Amino acid sequence: MQTILGLMTRLTAENDRSKSFRYFTKLNPPNFYGEHDPAAALRWLREVQKKFDTLAIPVEFRVGFAMYLL
């Protein structure tokens, strides 16, 4: 029984992550192209942060989602 509950919990978490990622990408977050200008990097970071905050993306998903944009 505990195995089934553990599996259901994991599947629910994975489903939440997938849904969050789908919604995040629909907002067309900007890609980061490795610019050497610190101001450009900061603008990119702020823009991505706004997208995360708009969708209330959980903190534990944010690094993985941001890596997708690099």
N, C-alpha and C. Protein backbone atom coordinates (compact mmCIF):
# COMPACT_ATOMS: atom_id res chain seq x y z
N MET A 1 0.82 -1.20 0.00
CA MET A 1 0.00 0.00 0.00
C MET A 1 0.87 1.27 0.00
N GLN A 2 1.94 1.25 0.82
CA GLN A 2 2.82 2.42 0.86
C GLN A 2 3.51 2.63 -0.48
N THR A 3 3.81 1.54 -1.18
CA THR A 3 4.45 1.66 -2.49
C THR A 3 3.52 2.37 -3.46
N ILE A 4 2.25 2.02 -3.43
CA ILE A 4 1.28 2.65 -4.32
C ILE A 4 1.14 4.14 -3.98
N LEU A 5 1.06 4.45 -2.69
CA LEU A 5 0.95 5.86 -2.29
C LEU A 5 2.19 6.65 -2.69
N GLY A 6 3.35 6.04 -2.54
CA GLY A 6 4.59 6.71 -2.94
C GLY A 6 4.62 6.96 -4.43
N LEU A 7 4.18 5.98 -5.21
CA LEU A 7 4.13 6.12 -6.67
C LEU A 7 3.15 7.21 -7.07
N MET A 8 1.99 7.22 -6.44
CA MET A 8 0.99 8.24 -6.76
C MET A 8 1.49 9.64 -6.42
N THR A 9 2.18 9.77 -5.30
CA THR A 9 2.74 11.06 -4.91
C THR A 9 3.77 11.52 -5.91
N ARG A 10 4.65 10.60 -6.34
CA ARG A 10 5.69 10.96 -7.31
C ARG A 10 5.07 11.33 -8.65
N LEU A 11 4.08 10.59 -9.09
CA LEU A 11 3.42 10.90 -10.37
C LEU A 11 2.72 12.25 -10.32
N THR A 12 2.10 12.55 -9.19
CA THR A 12 1.44 13.85 -9.04
C THR A 12 2.46 14.97 -9.10
N ALA A 13 3.61 14.80 -8.44
CA ALA A 13 4.66 15.82 -8.46
C ALA A 13 5.20 16.00 -9.87
N GLU A 14 5.42 14.89 -10.58
CA GLU A 14 5.91 14.97 -11.96
C GLU A 14 4.89 15.65 -12.86
N ASN A 15 3.61 15.37 -12.65
CA ASN A 15 2.55 15.99 -13.43
C ASN A 15 2.51 17.50 -13.16
N ASP A 16 2.66 17.89 -11.89
CA ASP A 16 2.69 19.31 -11.54
C ASP A 16 3.85 20.00 -12.23
N ARG A 17 5.01 19.35 -12.24
CA ARG A 17 6.19 19.93 -12.89
C ARG A 17 5.95 20.09 -14.39
N SER A 18 5.37 19.07 -15.01
CA SER A 18 5.09 19.13 -16.45
C SER A 18 4.11 20.24 -16.78
N LYS A 19 3.06 20.36 -16.00
CA LYS A 19 2.07 21.42 -16.23
C LYS A 19 2.70 22.79 -16.05
N SER A 20 3.47 22.94 -14.98
CA SER A 20 4.13 24.22 -14.72
C SER A 20 5.06 24.59 -15.86
N PHE A 21 5.81 23.61 -16.36
CA PHE A 21 6.75 23.88 -17.45
C PHE A 21 6.00 24.27 -18.72
N ARG A 22 4.91 23.60 -18.99
CA ARG A 22 4.09 23.93 -20.17
C ARG A 22 3.58 25.36 -20.09
N TYR A 23 3.04 25.74 -18.94
CA TYR A 23 2.55 27.11 -18.76
C TYR A 23 3.68 28.12 -18.87
N PHE A 24 4.83 27.78 -18.29
CA PHE A 24 6.00 28.67 -18.33
C PHE A 24 6.44 28.92 -19.76
N THR A 25 6.53 27.88 -20.56
CA THR A 25 6.98 28.06 -21.95
C THR A 25 5.95 28.81 -22.79
N LYS A 26 4.68 28.73 -22.42
CA LYS A 26 3.66 29.48 -23.16
C LYS A 26 3.79 30.99 -22.97
N LEU A 27 4.48 31.40 -21.91
CA LEU A 27 4.72 32.83 -21.68
C LEU A 27 5.90 33.34 -22.50
N ASN A 28 6.50 32.48 -23.30
CA ASN A 28 7.66 32.84 -24.14
C ASN A 28 8.77 33.53 -23.36
N PRO A 29 9.33 32.84 -22.37
CA PRO A 29 10.43 33.45 -21.63
C PRO A 29 11.64 33.64 -22.55
N PRO A 30 12.42 34.68 -22.33
CA PRO A 30 13.55 34.95 -23.21
C PRO A 30 14.68 33.94 -23.01
N ASN A 31 15.35 33.58 -24.08
CA ASN A 31 16.55 32.75 -23.99
C ASN A 31 17.72 33.64 -23.62
N PHE A 32 18.71 33.02 -22.98
CA PHE A 32 19.95 33.74 -22.67
C PHE A 32 21.02 33.19 -23.58
N TYR A 33 21.69 34.08 -24.30
CA TYR A 33 22.66 33.66 -25.31
C TYR A 33 24.10 33.87 -24.87
N GLY A 34 24.35 33.96 -23.57
CA GLY A 34 25.70 34.07 -23.06
C GLY A 34 26.35 35.41 -23.27
N GLU A 35 25.55 36.45 -23.27
CA GLU A 35 26.09 37.79 -23.44
C GLU A 35 27.05 38.12 -22.29
N HIS A 36 28.09 38.86 -22.59
CA HIS A 36 29.09 39.19 -21.58
C HIS A 36 28.75 40.47 -20.82
N ASP A 37 27.67 41.10 -21.19
CA ASP A 37 27.24 42.33 -20.54
C ASP A 37 26.45 41.99 -19.27
N PRO A 38 26.96 42.33 -18.09
CA PRO A 38 26.25 42.02 -16.85
C PRO A 38 24.85 42.62 -16.79
N ALA A 39 24.68 43.80 -17.38
CA ALA A 39 23.35 44.43 -17.37
C ALA A 39 22.36 43.61 -18.18
N ALA A 40 22.80 43.05 -19.30
CA ALA A 40 21.93 42.21 -20.12
C ALA A 40 21.56 40.93 -19.37
N ALA A 41 22.52 40.36 -18.67
CA ALA A 41 22.25 39.16 -17.88
C ALA A 41 21.24 39.45 -16.77
N LEU A 42 21.38 40.58 -16.14
CA LEU A 42 20.46 40.97 -15.07
C LEU A 42 19.06 41.21 -15.62
N ARG A 43 18.96 41.85 -16.78
CA ARG A 43 17.64 42.06 -17.42
C ARG A 43 16.98 40.71 -17.72
N TRP A 44 17.78 39.78 -18.26
CA TRP A 44 17.25 38.45 -18.56
C TRP A 44 16.75 37.78 -17.29
N LEU A 45 17.56 37.83 -16.24
CA LEU A 45 17.19 37.21 -14.97
C LEU A 45 15.90 37.80 -14.41
N ARG A 46 15.77 39.11 -14.47
CA ARG A 46 14.55 39.76 -13.97
C ARG A 46 13.32 39.37 -14.79
N GLU A 47 13.50 39.28 -16.10
CA GLU A 47 12.38 38.90 -16.97
C GLU A 47 11.92 37.47 -16.68
N VAL A 48 12.87 36.58 -16.52
CA VAL A 48 12.53 35.18 -16.20
C VAL A 48 11.88 35.11 -14.82
N GLN A 49 12.40 35.86 -13.87
CA GLN A 49 11.83 35.89 -12.52
C GLN A 49 10.37 36.36 -12.56
N LYS A 50 10.07 37.35 -13.39
CA LYS A 50 8.68 37.82 -13.53
C LYS A 50 7.78 36.69 -14.01
N LYS A 51 8.27 35.90 -14.97
CA LYS A 51 7.47 34.78 -15.48
C LYS A 51 7.23 33.76 -14.38
N PHE A 52 8.28 33.45 -13.61
CA PHE A 52 8.13 32.51 -12.49
C PHE A 52 7.10 33.02 -11.49
N ASP A 53 7.21 34.28 -11.14
CA ASP A 53 6.30 34.87 -10.15
C ASP A 53 4.87 34.94 -10.67
N THR A 54 4.71 35.27 -11.94
CA THR A 54 3.37 35.35 -12.54
C THR A 54 2.64 34.02 -12.41
N LEU A 55 3.36 32.93 -12.64
CA LEU A 55 2.75 31.61 -12.59
C LEU A 55 2.88 30.93 -11.24
N ALA A 56 3.53 31.59 -10.29
CA ALA A 56 3.79 31.01 -8.96
C ALA A 56 4.49 29.66 -9.10
N ILE A 57 5.52 29.63 -9.93
CA ILE A 57 6.30 28.41 -10.13
C ILE A 57 7.02 28.09 -8.83
N PRO A 58 6.90 26.86 -8.33
CA PRO A 58 7.59 26.50 -7.09
C PRO A 58 9.11 26.67 -7.22
N VAL A 59 9.73 27.06 -6.14
CA VAL A 59 11.17 27.32 -6.12
C VAL A 59 11.96 26.11 -6.60
N GLU A 60 11.53 24.92 -6.24
CA GLU A 60 12.29 23.72 -6.60
C GLU A 60 12.28 23.44 -8.10
N PHE A 61 11.40 24.07 -8.86
CA PHE A 61 11.36 23.88 -10.32
C PHE A 61 12.15 24.94 -11.07
N ARG A 62 12.40 26.07 -10.46
CA ARG A 62 12.92 27.24 -11.17
C ARG A 62 14.29 27.04 -11.80
N VAL A 63 15.21 26.40 -11.12
CA VAL A 63 16.55 26.22 -11.68
C VAL A 63 16.49 25.38 -12.94
N GLY A 64 15.75 24.29 -12.89
CA GLY A 64 15.61 23.43 -14.07
C GLY A 64 14.96 24.15 -15.24
N PHE A 65 13.95 24.94 -14.96
CA PHE A 65 13.28 25.68 -16.02
C PHE A 65 14.21 26.73 -16.62
N ALA A 66 14.97 27.42 -15.76
CA ALA A 66 15.90 28.44 -16.24
C ALA A 66 17.01 27.80 -17.08
N MET A 67 17.44 26.61 -16.72
CA MET A 67 18.48 25.92 -17.50
C MET A 67 18.01 25.67 -18.93
N TYR A 68 16.74 25.45 -19.10
CA TYR A 68 16.16 25.24 -20.43
C TYR A 68 16.38 26.46 -21.33
N LEU A 69 16.51 27.63 -20.73
CA LEU A 69 16.63 28.88 -21.49
C LEU A 69 18.08 29.25 -21.81
N LEU A 70 19.01 28.47 -21.33
CA LEU A 70 20.43 28.79 -21.56
C LEU A 70 20.93 28.22 -22.87
